[in-house]
Amino acid sequence: MMKIYTKTGDKGETGLFGGERVSKSNLRLNAYGSIDELNSFLGLAIVEVTNTEIKDILINLQNKLFVLGSDLATPETEKNNKLNIIRLPDSFIKDIEQIIDKYDAQLIELKNFILPGGSKGSALLHICRTISRRAEREVVALKNTEHIGENIVIFLNRLSDLFFVLSRFENKCSNIPDTKWIP
């Protein structure tokens, strides 16, 4: 039986997929660590949202985030390109845009900023939105120092928009109005 602990990270380094060892403070690790955090919060959101369509969307997103995480964990090198790692495809972005358009069309137009909250499911989707924004910032920082796939930043940008729309839709399904920001 394989033990869960390997002791290979005890000195502050970890292995990327493909074998390269890097510091645990590496920009790449920060980026895919935030993707992992986002995926965990999505799991909690799935438990709390009331709408079954949204639950299905979130489960599908969890799988997409695993693809994103493996893409980020595997630098694009000649050696790693032979590993048949799935890179984030254009279709992931198109899927998200279609979902945003579908659910946004069912919401009343915003005329004010809104505060995160409402139902518990909506509040958790707002947390997912902010984590995806942080992950996007971390990925941009990584992109400024290393080559990563062009679709990654675009996907994360759309993803935070999707969480915003789904949070509002969850409130609508729960018959809880969005909380308007009153300056």
C-alpha atoms as a PDB file:
ATOM      1  CA  MET A   1       0.000   0.000   0.000  1.00  0.00           C
ATOM      2  CA  MET A   2       1.272   3.452  -0.938  1.00  0.00           C
ATOM      3  CA  LYS A   3       1.586   5.929   1.947  1.00  0.00           C
ATOM      4  CA  ILE A   4      -0.095   9.320   1.606  1.00  0.00           C
ATOM      5  CA  TYR A   5       3.056  11.097   2.764  1.00  0.00           C
ATOM      6  CA  THR A   6       6.232  10.862   0.690  1.00  0.00           C
ATOM      7  CA  LYS A   7       8.534  13.192   2.648  1.00  0.00           C
ATOM      8  CA  THR A   8       9.818  14.570  -0.682  1.00  0.00           C
ATOM      9  CA  GLY A   9       8.435  18.012   0.137  1.00  0.00           C
ATOM     10  CA  ASP A  10       9.895  18.292   3.606  1.00  0.00           C
ATOM     11  CA  LYS A  11      12.504  20.831   2.485  1.00  0.00           C
ATOM     12  CA  GLY A  12      10.035  23.188   0.810  1.00  0.00           C
ATOM     13  CA  GLU A  13      10.161  21.777  -2.697  1.00  0.00           C
ATOM     14  CA  THR A  14       7.702  19.774  -4.747  1.00  0.00           C
ATOM     15  CA  GLY A  15       7.673  18.038  -8.090  1.00  0.00           C
ATOM     16  CA  LEU A  16       5.833  19.314 -11.131  1.00  0.00           C
ATOM     17  CA  PHE A  17       4.251  16.804 -13.463  1.00  0.00           C
ATOM     18  CA  GLY A  18       7.149  15.734 -15.623  1.00  0.00           C
ATOM     19  CA  GLY A  19       9.603  15.571 -12.726  1.00  0.00           C
ATOM     20  CA  GLU A  20      11.017  19.093 -12.355  1.00  0.00           C
ATOM     21  CA  ARG A  21      11.524  20.119  -8.697  1.00  0.00           C
ATOM     22  CA  VAL A  22      10.531  23.657  -7.689  1.00  0.00           C
ATOM     23  CA  SER A  23      10.081  25.688  -4.513  1.00  0.00           C
ATOM     24  CA  LYS A  24       6.649  25.510  -2.938  1.00  0.00           C
ATOM     25  CA  SER A  25       6.586  29.310  -3.211  1.00  0.00           C
ATOM     26  CA  ASN A  26       6.891  29.105  -7.014  1.00  0.00           C
ATOM     27  CA  LEU A  27       4.409  31.235  -8.999  1.00  0.00           C
ATOM     28  CA  ARG A  28       3.205  28.118 -10.826  1.00  0.00           C
ATOM     29  CA  LEU A  29       2.339  26.420  -7.540  1.00  0.00           C
ATOM     30  CA  ASN A  30       0.540  29.518  -6.261  1.00  0.00           C
ATOM     31  CA  ALA A  31      -1.559  29.525  -9.420  1.00  0.00           C
ATOM     32  CA  TYR A  32      -2.611  25.904  -9.398  1.00  0.00           C
ATOM     33  CA  GLY A  33      -2.945  25.963  -5.606  1.00  0.00           C
ATOM     34  CA  SER A  34      -5.631  28.616  -6.005  1.00  0.00           C
ATOM     35  CA  ILE A  35      -7.310  26.454  -8.656  1.00  0.00           C
ATOM     36  CA  ASP A  36      -7.328  23.590  -6.137  1.00  0.00           C
ATOM     37  CA  GLU A  37      -8.797  25.913  -3.479  1.00  0.00           C
ATOM     38  CA  LEU A  38     -11.455  27.036  -5.948  1.00  0.00           C
ATOM     39  CA  ASN A  39     -12.331  23.428  -6.706  1.00  0.00           C
ATOM     40  CA  SER A  40     -12.760  22.729  -2.983  1.00  0.00           C
ATOM     41  CA  PHE A  41     -15.077  25.708  -2.553  1.00  0.00           C
ATOM     42  CA  LEU A  42     -17.007  24.529  -5.598  1.00  0.00           C
ATOM     43  CA  GLY A  43     -17.565  21.246  -3.773  1.00  0.00           C
ATOM     44  CA  LEU A  44     -19.050  23.169  -0.863  1.00  0.00           C
ATOM     45  CA  ALA A  45     -21.162  25.306  -3.210  1.00  0.00           C
ATOM     46  CA  ILE A  46     -22.523  22.146  -4.864  1.00  0.00           C
ATOM     47  CA  VAL A  47     -23.755  20.978  -1.470  1.00  0.00           C
ATOM     48  CA  GLU A  48     -25.490  24.304  -0.783  1.00  0.00           C
ATOM     49  CA  VAL A  49     -26.997  25.495  -4.087  1.00  0.00           C
ATOM     50  CA  THR A  50     -30.660  24.644  -4.519  1.00  0.00           C
ATOM     51  CA  ASN A  51     -30.909  24.605  -8.305  1.00  0.00           C
ATOM     52  CA  THR A  52     -30.052  21.205  -9.836  1.00  0.00           C
ATOM     53  CA  GLU A  53     -28.986  22.748 -13.155  1.00  0.00           C
ATOM     54  CA  ILE A  54     -26.436  24.899 -11.326  1.00  0.00           C
ATOM     55  CA  LYS A  55     -25.207  21.838  -9.399  1.00  0.00           C
ATOM     56  CA  ASP A  56     -24.606  20.043 -12.709  1.00  0.00           C
ATOM     57  CA  ILE A  57     -22.750  23.065 -14.115  1.00  0.00           C
ATOM     58  CA  LEU A  58     -20.544  23.231 -11.017  1.00  0.00           C
ATOM     59  CA  ILE A  59     -19.720  19.514 -11.155  1.00  0.00           C
ATOM     60  CA  ASN A  60     -18.737  19.956 -14.802  1.00  0.00           C
ATOM     61  CA  LEU A  61     -16.590  22.949 -13.808  1.00  0.00           C
ATOM     62  CA  GLN A  62     -14.806  20.866 -11.188  1.00  0.00           C
ATOM     63  CA  ASN A  63     -13.691  18.500 -13.944  1.00  0.00           C
ATOM     64  CA  LYS A  64     -12.574  21.417 -16.110  1.00  0.00           C
ATOM     65  CA  LEU A  65     -10.580  22.801 -13.186  1.00  0.00           C
ATOM     66  CA  PHE A  66      -8.713  19.483 -12.938  1.00  0.00           C
ATOM     67  CA  VAL A  67      -7.709  19.893 -16.584  1.00  0.00           C
ATOM     68  CA  LEU A  68      -6.606  23.460 -15.829  1.00  0.00           C
ATOM     69  CA  GLY A  69      -4.638  22.326 -12.774  1.00  0.00           C
ATOM     70  CA  SER A  70      -2.801  19.620 -14.710  1.00  0.00           C
ATOM     71  CA  ASP A  71      -2.096  22.110 -17.513  1.00  0.00           C
ATOM     72  CA  LEU A  72      -0.572  24.553 -15.014  1.00  0.00           C
ATOM     73  CA  ALA A  73       1.340  21.767 -13.215  1.00  0.00           C
ATOM     74  CA  THR A  74       3.015  20.679 -16.453  1.00  0.00           C
ATOM     75  CA  PRO A  75       5.306  23.271 -18.045  1.00  0.00           C
ATOM     76  CA  GLU A  76       5.256  23.200 -21.821  1.00  0.00           C
ATOM     77  CA  THR A  77       8.605  21.598 -22.588  1.00  0.00           C
ATOM     78  CA  GLU A  78       9.608  19.204 -25.325  1.00  0.00           C
ATOM     79  CA  LYS A  79       9.869  16.404 -22.760  1.00  0.00           C
ATOM     80  CA  ASN A  80       6.484  17.193 -21.172  1.00  0.00           C
ATOM     81  CA  ASN A  81       4.731  17.559 -24.523  1.00  0.00           C
ATOM     82  CA  LYS A  82       5.264  13.805 -24.978  1.00  0.00           C
ATOM     83  CA  LEU A  83       3.190  13.113 -21.836  1.00  0.00           C
ATOM     84  CA  ASN A  84      -0.140  13.713 -23.620  1.00  0.00           C
ATOM     85  CA  ILE A  85      -1.323  16.251 -21.050  1.00  0.00           C
ATOM     86  CA  ILE A  86      -4.682  17.755 -21.953  1.00  0.00           C
ATOM     87  CA  ARG A  87      -4.195  21.496 -22.407  1.00  0.00           C
ATOM     88  CA  LEU A  88      -7.123  23.820 -21.769  1.00  0.00           C
ATOM     89  CA  PRO A  89      -9.115  23.797 -25.030  1.00  0.00           C
ATOM     90  CA  ASP A  90     -11.056  26.635 -26.684  1.00  0.00           C
ATOM     91  CA  SER A  91     -14.247  24.645 -26.084  1.00  0.00           C
ATOM     92  CA  PHE A  92     -14.028  25.265 -22.314  1.00  0.00           C
ATOM     93  CA  ILE A  93     -14.245  29.013 -22.920  1.00  0.00           C
ATOM     94  CA  LYS A  94     -17.121  28.654 -25.389  1.00  0.00           C
ATOM     95  CA  ASP A  95     -19.012  26.421 -22.924  1.00  0.00           C
ATOM     96  CA  ILE A  96     -18.736  29.031 -20.180  1.00  0.00           C
ATOM     97  CA  GLU A  97     -19.814  31.856 -22.488  1.00  0.00           C
ATOM     98  CA  GLN A  98     -22.928  29.898 -23.508  1.00  0.00           C
ATOM     99  CA  ILE A  99     -23.831  29.232 -19.877  1.00  0.00           C
ATOM    100  CA  ILE A 100     -23.312  32.889 -18.946  1.00  0.00           C
ATOM    101  CA  ASP A 101     -25.553  34.017 -21.816  1.00  0.00           C
ATOM    102  CA  LYS A 102     -28.273  31.470 -20.954  1.00  0.00           C
ATOM    103  CA  TYR A 103     -28.559  32.395 -17.282  1.00  0.00           C
ATOM    104  CA  ASP A 104     -27.881  36.120 -17.602  1.00  0.00           C
ATOM    105  CA  ALA A 105     -30.811  36.364 -20.031  1.00  0.00           C
ATOM    106  CA  GLN A 106     -33.087  35.097 -17.230  1.00  0.00           C
ATOM    107  CA  LEU A 107     -32.027  37.788 -14.745  1.00  0.00           C
ATOM    108  CA  ILE A 108     -33.251  41.341 -14.348  1.00  0.00           C
ATOM    109  CA  GLU A 109     -30.782  43.900 -15.629  1.00  0.00           C
ATOM    110  CA  LEU A 110     -28.478  45.331 -12.985  1.00  0.00           C
ATOM    111  CA  LYS A 111     -28.690  49.054 -12.395  1.00  0.00           C
ATOM    112  CA  ASN A 112     -26.646  49.012  -9.168  1.00  0.00           C
ATOM    113  CA  PHE A 113     -23.649  47.184  -7.821  1.00  0.00           C
ATOM    114  CA  ILE A 114     -24.660  44.269  -5.627  1.00  0.00           C
ATOM    115  CA  LEU A 115     -23.154  42.910  -2.455  1.00  0.00           C
ATOM    116  CA  PRO A 116     -22.151  39.268  -2.140  1.00  0.00           C
ATOM    117  CA  GLY A 117     -24.737  37.267  -0.257  1.00  0.00           C
ATOM    118  CA  GLY A 118     -28.381  36.402  -0.338  1.00  0.00           C
ATOM    119  CA  SER A 119     -28.780  32.655  -0.103  1.00  0.00           C
ATOM    120  CA  LYS A 120     -26.000  30.471   1.279  1.00  0.00           C
ATOM    121  CA  GLY A 121     -25.425  28.969  -2.182  1.00  0.00           C
ATOM    122  CA  SER A 122     -25.169  32.416  -3.744  1.00  0.00           C
ATOM    123  CA  ALA A 123     -22.717  33.590  -1.086  1.00  0.00           C
ATOM    124  CA  LEU A 124     -20.514  30.552  -1.754  1.00  0.00           C
ATOM    125  CA  LEU A 125     -20.596  31.246  -5.494  1.00  0.00           C
ATOM    126  CA  HIS A 126     -19.392  34.772  -4.724  1.00  0.00           C
ATOM    127  CA  ILE A 127     -16.488  33.255  -2.791  1.00  0.00           C
ATOM    128  CA  CYS A 128     -15.748  31.107  -5.849  1.00  0.00           C
ATOM    129  CA  ARG A 129     -15.828  34.286  -7.953  1.00  0.00           C
ATOM    130  CA  THR A 130     -13.241  35.994  -5.772  1.00  0.00           C
ATOM    131  CA  ILE A 131     -10.982  32.941  -5.644  1.00  0.00           C
ATOM    132  CA  SER A 132     -11.103  32.679  -9.432  1.00  0.00           C
ATOM    133  CA  ARG A 133     -10.155  36.376  -9.661  1.00  0.00           C
ATOM    134  CA  ARG A 134      -7.155  35.748  -7.400  1.00  0.00           C
ATOM    135  CA  ALA A 135      -6.201  32.699  -9.439  1.00  0.00           C
ATOM    136  CA  GLU A 136      -6.411  34.849 -12.564  1.00  0.00           C
ATOM    137  CA  ARG A 137      -4.026  37.408 -11.046  1.00  0.00           C
ATOM    138  CA  GLU A 138      -1.618  34.634 -10.066  1.00  0.00           C
ATOM    139  CA  VAL A 139      -1.784  33.092 -13.532  1.00  0.00           C
ATOM    140  CA  VAL A 140      -1.087  36.487 -15.117  1.00  0.00           C
ATOM    141  CA  ALA A 141       1.963  36.861 -12.847  1.00  0.00           C
ATOM    142  CA  LEU A 142       3.103  33.403 -13.964  1.00  0.00           C
ATOM    143  CA  LYS A 143       2.462  34.263 -17.617  1.00  0.00           C
ATOM    144  CA  ASN A 144       4.714  37.308 -17.214  1.00  0.00           C
ATOM    145  CA  THR A 145       7.625  35.005 -16.328  1.00  0.00           C
ATOM    146  CA  GLU A 146       6.926  31.720 -18.171  1.00  0.00           C
ATOM    147  CA  HIS A 147       5.032  30.459 -21.181  1.00  0.00           C
ATOM    148  CA  ILE A 148       1.564  29.117 -20.428  1.00  0.00           C
ATOM    149  CA  GLY A 149      -1.354  28.385 -22.716  1.00  0.00           C
ATOM    150  CA  GLU A 150      -3.245  31.429 -23.984  1.00  0.00           C
ATOM    151  CA  ASN A 151      -6.622  29.957 -23.027  1.00  0.00           C
ATOM    152  CA  ILE A 152      -5.863  29.822 -19.308  1.00  0.00           C
ATOM    153  CA  VAL A 153      -6.227  33.543 -18.555  1.00  0.00           C
ATOM    154  CA  ILE A 154      -9.282  33.834 -20.816  1.00  0.00           C
ATOM    155  CA  PHE A 155     -10.933  30.856 -19.116  1.00  0.00           C
ATOM    156  CA  LEU A 156     -10.358  32.286 -15.635  1.00  0.00           C
ATOM    157  CA  ASN A 157     -11.659  35.694 -16.712  1.00  0.00           C
ATOM    158  CA  ARG A 158     -14.884  34.110 -17.995  1.00  0.00           C
ATOM    159  CA  LEU A 159     -15.117  31.831 -14.976  1.00  0.00           C
ATOM    160  CA  SER A 160     -15.434  34.696 -12.501  1.00  0.00           C
ATOM    161  CA  ASP A 161     -18.158  36.215 -14.696  1.00  0.00           C
ATOM    162  CA  LEU A 162     -19.951  32.864 -14.672  1.00  0.00           C
ATOM    163  CA  PHE A 163     -19.853  32.671 -10.871  1.00  0.00           C
ATOM    164  CA  PHE A 164     -21.306  36.175 -10.674  1.00  0.00           C
ATOM    165  CA  VAL A 165     -24.204  35.260 -12.964  1.00  0.00           C
ATOM    166  CA  LEU A 166     -24.813  31.916 -11.241  1.00  0.00           C
ATOM    167  CA  SER A 167     -24.793  33.572  -7.810  1.00  0.00           C
ATOM    168  CA  ARG A 168     -27.527  35.931  -8.972  1.00  0.00           C
ATOM    169  CA  PHE A 169     -29.466  33.070 -10.560  1.00  0.00           C
ATOM    170  CA  GLU A 170     -29.216  31.051  -7.334  1.00  0.00           C
ATOM    171  CA  ASN A 171     -30.711  33.989  -5.432  1.00  0.00           C
ATOM    172  CA  LYS A 172     -33.497  34.200  -7.994  1.00  0.00           C
ATOM    173  CA  CYS A 173     -34.243  30.478  -7.594  1.00  0.00           C
ATOM    174  CA  SER A 174     -34.261  30.927  -3.807  1.00  0.00           C
ATOM    175  CA  ASN A 175     -36.629  33.927  -4.070  1.00  0.00           C
ATOM    176  CA  ILE A 176     -34.034  36.123  -2.389  1.00  0.00           C
ATOM    177  CA  PRO A 177     -33.324  39.460  -4.054  1.00  0.00           C
ATOM    178  CA  ASP A 178     -29.764  40.584  -4.692  1.00  0.00           C
ATOM    179  CA  THR A 179     -28.567  43.052  -2.067  1.00  0.00           C
ATOM    180  CA  LYS A 180     -27.959  46.419  -3.684  1.00  0.00           C
ATOM    181  CA  TRP A 181     -24.893  48.387  -2.683  1.00  0.00           C
ATOM    182  CA  ILE A 182     -25.960  51.660  -1.111  1.00  0.00           C
ATOM    183  CA  PRO A 183     -23.052  54.137  -1.001  1.00  0.00           C
END
